[in-house]
Amino acid sequence: MPLPWDFRPVHGPRVTLDLLRDDDLEALYAMQSDPEVCRYLLYEARSRRQVVEVLARDAEAARLENPDDYVQPAIRDEDGHFAGTMYFHLISVDDRTAEIGWILAPSAQGKGYATEAARLLLDLAFGELGLHRVYAELDPRNAASVAICERLGMRHEAHFAEHMWLKDEWTDTGIYAILEREWTADTAFQNR
C-alpha cells in the first residue's frame, strides 16, 4: 500500500470528488440538518454550530496513512454544485481494508451520483491504494443505500439483528463488501 496518500480531486463523467471547503457550509448544513436525510445515520439532525465544526474537521481530513484516518470529500455534480459527501475510512493497513459510505442532499438523490462517486473511490481503493477489501456498514432499512451497494457489486456479508441502541430504538446493521479481485473482475466484465 503506497502510504501516506494525500487526497486530490477525482473526476468522473458526471461527478467530481474534492475536499470540502468553506463555501459548502450552507449546502452541508441543509443536508445534515434534515431529519429525513439523517434518519438512517448514526447521528441526529445537526445544528448549524455542529455542522460548522464538522466542516472544519472534515475539510482538514486529506491524508490516509494510519488506521482510522479518513477522507470525506464533497460530491459535486457536473455543474460543480454540492450534491453530498463520500466517506472513506482506512480501517487496517496490515489487512488493506477500508470502509466506504455516502450521504446525498435530497435534490441530488435518485440521479446516480452516489453510485458514480463510490465507483470512483473503489477504483482508487483497488488501484492506486492497493486495498484488498472495502465494506459498507448501513441500516438495512435504507433501501437506497442497499441498492447502491448491489449496483457496485458488493456482496451482502452480514445482518446483525438489533445490533445497537440508536435514536431510541434497537437497530439492525447490514454489512456489504467487495474484494479487490471481485472489483477487478466486475470492472473487466463491464468494459467488454
Protein backbone atom coordinates (compact mmCIF):
# COMPACT_ATOMS: atom_id res chain seq x y z
CA MET A 1 0.00 0.00 0.00
CA PRO A 2 1.53 3.32 -1.01
CA LEU A 3 1.09 5.32 2.18
CA PRO A 4 0.92 8.10 3.09
CA TRP A 5 -1.59 9.06 0.42
CA ASP A 6 -2.81 12.65 0.04
CA PHE A 7 -6.25 13.33 -1.39
CA ARG A 8 -6.54 15.12 -4.69
CA PRO A 9 -9.69 15.75 -6.77
CA VAL A 10 -11.11 12.72 -8.59
CA HIS A 11 -13.15 13.30 -11.75
CA GLY A 12 -15.83 11.09 -13.25
CA PRO A 13 -18.19 11.54 -16.18
CA ARG A 14 -20.75 13.46 -14.10
CA VAL A 15 -19.27 13.97 -10.64
CA THR A 16 -16.10 15.27 -9.07
CA LEU A 17 -14.86 14.43 -5.60
CA ASP A 18 -12.89 17.15 -3.89
CA LEU A 19 -12.26 18.37 -0.39
CA LEU A 20 -14.97 20.22 1.47
CA ARG A 21 -14.49 23.98 1.54
CA ASP A 22 -15.94 26.92 3.47
CA ASP A 23 -18.47 27.79 0.77
CA ASP A 24 -20.06 24.32 1.23
CA LEU A 25 -21.43 25.35 4.63
CA GLU A 26 -24.98 26.23 3.58
CA ALA A 27 -25.47 23.10 1.46
CA LEU A 28 -23.82 20.85 4.06
CA TYR A 29 -25.98 22.37 6.79
CA ALA A 30 -29.15 21.92 4.73
CA MET A 31 -28.26 18.25 4.23
CA GLN A 32 -27.05 17.39 7.74
CA SER A 33 -29.87 19.28 9.50
CA ASP A 34 -32.56 17.41 7.55
CA PRO A 35 -34.15 14.74 9.79
CA GLU A 36 -35.10 12.63 6.76
CA VAL A 37 -31.50 12.63 5.46
CA CYS A 38 -30.25 11.67 8.94
CA ARG A 39 -32.92 9.02 9.51
CA TYR A 40 -30.55 6.06 8.98
CA LEU A 41 -27.32 7.77 10.07
CA LEU A 42 -25.55 7.39 13.40
CA TYR A 43 -26.39 10.97 14.35
CA GLU A 44 -29.49 13.12 14.69
CA ALA A 45 -30.06 16.18 12.52
CA ARG A 46 -27.24 18.60 13.34
CA SER A 47 -27.36 22.21 14.44
CA ARG A 48 -25.59 24.91 12.44
CA ARG A 49 -22.85 25.07 15.09
CA GLN A 50 -22.30 21.31 14.83
CA VAL A 51 -22.08 21.50 11.03
CA VAL A 52 -19.54 24.34 11.26
CA GLU A 53 -17.41 22.08 13.48
CA VAL A 54 -17.87 19.08 11.18
CA LEU A 55 -16.93 21.13 8.13
CA ALA A 56 -13.74 22.41 9.78
CA ARG A 57 -12.78 18.88 10.88
CA ASP A 58 -13.63 17.06 7.65
CA ALA A 59 -12.13 19.70 5.33
CA GLU A 60 -8.79 19.04 7.03
CA ALA A 61 -9.04 15.24 6.63
CA ALA A 62 -6.97 14.89 3.49
CA ARG A 63 -4.41 12.14 4.20
CA LEU A 64 -4.54 8.38 4.60
CA GLU A 65 -1.60 6.99 6.48
CA ASN A 66 -2.68 5.17 9.65
CA PRO A 67 -5.68 3.11 10.75
CA ASP A 68 -8.66 5.39 11.48
CA ASP A 69 -7.52 8.06 9.02
CA TYR A 70 -10.35 9.09 6.72
CA VAL A 71 -11.29 11.45 3.92
CA GLN A 72 -14.77 12.83 3.48
CA PRO A 73 -14.80 14.60 0.13
CA ALA A 74 -17.69 16.53 -1.32
CA ILE A 75 -19.57 15.07 -4.27
CA ARG A 76 -20.03 17.80 -6.88
CA ASP A 77 -22.31 17.44 -9.89
CA GLU A 78 -21.41 18.28 -13.47
CA ASP A 79 -22.05 21.98 -12.75
CA GLY A 80 -19.82 21.94 -9.66
CA HIS A 81 -22.72 22.14 -7.21
CA PHE A 82 -22.53 20.34 -3.88
CA ALA A 83 -24.52 17.08 -4.09
CA GLY A 84 -23.38 15.26 -0.93
CA THR A 85 -20.37 13.66 0.68
CA MET A 86 -18.48 10.40 0.47
CA TYR A 87 -16.80 8.75 3.42
CA PHE A 88 -13.65 6.66 3.04
CA HIS A 89 -12.13 5.35 6.28
CA LEU A 90 -8.90 3.38 6.44
CA ILE A 91 -9.63 0.52 8.86
CA SER A 92 -6.44 -1.56 8.65
CA VAL A 93 -3.14 -1.04 6.90
CA ASP A 94 -2.00 -4.63 7.53
CA ASP A 95 -5.23 -6.11 6.18
CA ARG A 96 -5.58 -3.41 3.48
CA THR A 97 -9.21 -2.72 4.45
CA ALA A 98 -11.37 0.40 4.31
CA GLU A 99 -14.97 1.42 4.88
CA ILE A 100 -16.98 3.45 2.37
CA GLY A 101 -20.16 5.47 2.79
CA TRP A 102 -22.18 8.30 1.24
CA ILE A 103 -24.77 10.93 2.06
CA LEU A 104 -26.71 12.81 -0.60
CA ALA A 105 -28.65 16.04 -0.45
CA PRO A 106 -32.34 15.43 -1.23
CA SER A 107 -32.08 17.36 -4.52
CA ALA A 108 -29.27 15.03 -5.68
CA GLN A 109 -30.92 11.72 -4.76
CA GLY A 110 -32.01 9.29 -7.44
CA LYS A 111 -29.62 10.61 -10.10
CA GLY A 112 -26.83 8.05 -9.76
CA TYR A 113 -24.36 10.47 -8.21
CA ALA A 114 -23.60 8.31 -5.15
CA THR A 115 -23.05 5.21 -7.30
CA GLU A 116 -20.69 7.08 -9.62
CA ALA A 117 -18.82 8.68 -6.72
CA ALA A 118 -18.48 5.32 -4.96
CA ARG A 119 -17.15 3.76 -8.18
CA LEU A 120 -14.52 6.47 -8.37
CA LEU A 121 -13.41 5.73 -4.80
CA LEU A 122 -13.45 1.96 -5.35
CA ASP A 123 -11.31 2.36 -8.49
CA LEU A 124 -8.89 4.41 -6.39
CA ALA A 125 -9.02 1.96 -3.47
CA PHE A 126 -8.28 -1.13 -5.54
CA GLY A 127 -5.97 0.63 -7.98
CA GLU A 128 -3.68 3.31 -6.62
CA LEU A 129 -4.13 2.40 -2.93
CA GLY A 130 -3.84 -1.36 -3.44
CA LEU A 131 -6.54 -2.27 -0.92
CA HIS A 132 -7.82 -5.82 -0.52
CA ARG A 133 -11.33 -5.26 0.87
CA VAL A 134 -13.79 -2.37 1.13
CA TYR A 135 -17.06 -2.60 3.03
CA ALA A 136 -20.13 -0.50 3.77
CA GLU A 137 -21.91 -0.67 7.12
CA LEU A 138 -25.52 0.55 7.00
CA ASP A 139 -29.02 0.36 8.36
CA PRO A 140 -30.71 -2.34 6.25
CA ARG A 141 -33.92 -0.26 6.17
CA ASN A 142 -32.06 2.23 3.99
CA ALA A 143 -33.19 0.72 0.69
CA ALA A 144 -31.41 3.37 -1.39
CA SER A 145 -28.01 2.59 0.16
CA VAL A 146 -28.61 -1.15 -0.14
CA ALA A 147 -29.37 -0.64 -3.85
CA ILE A 148 -26.14 1.33 -4.31
CA CYS A 149 -24.15 -1.49 -2.70
CA GLU A 150 -25.80 -4.00 -5.02
CA ARG A 151 -25.14 -1.84 -8.12
CA LEU A 152 -21.49 -1.69 -7.08
CA GLY A 153 -21.33 -5.49 -6.98
CA MET A 154 -20.91 -5.59 -3.21
CA ARG A 155 -21.91 -8.80 -1.51
CA HIS A 156 -24.27 -8.87 1.48
CA GLU A 157 -21.97 -10.34 4.13
CA ALA A 158 -23.85 -9.91 7.38
CA HIS A 159 -27.04 -8.79 9.05
CA PHE A 160 -26.76 -8.09 12.77
CA ALA A 161 -30.22 -8.01 14.35
CA GLU A 162 -30.80 -5.32 16.97
CA HIS A 163 -27.11 -4.57 16.85
CA MET A 164 -27.21 -1.15 18.50
CA TRP A 165 -29.43 1.11 20.53
CA LEU A 166 -29.79 4.20 18.38
CA LYS A 167 -32.32 7.01 18.34
CA ASP A 168 -34.47 5.37 20.99
CA GLU A 169 -34.75 2.00 19.26
CA TRP A 170 -32.84 -1.19 18.60
CA THR A 171 -31.49 -1.04 15.05
CA ASP A 172 -30.04 -3.68 12.77
CA THR A 173 -26.74 -3.34 10.93
CA GLY A 174 -26.02 -4.67 7.47
CA ILE A 175 -22.55 -5.23 6.04
CA TYR A 176 -21.86 -5.19 2.30
CA ALA A 177 -18.34 -5.75 0.97
CA ILE A 178 -16.27 -6.27 -2.13
CA LEU A 179 -12.77 -7.66 -2.59
CA GLU A 180 -10.13 -6.37 -4.98
CA ARG A 181 -10.39 -9.47 -7.19
CA GLU A 182 -14.19 -9.13 -7.36
CA TRP A 183 -13.96 -5.44 -8.29
CA THR A 184 -11.31 -6.15 -10.92
CA ALA A 185 -13.34 -8.99 -12.46
CA ASP A 186 -16.55 -6.93 -12.42
CA THR A 187 -14.81 -3.89 -13.94
CA ALA A 188 -13.27 -6.06 -16.68
CA PHE A 189 -16.72 -7.52 -17.42
CA GLN A 190 -18.32 -4.04 -17.60
CA ASN A 191 -15.65 -2.83 -20.03
CA ARG A 192 -16.38 -5.60 -22.56
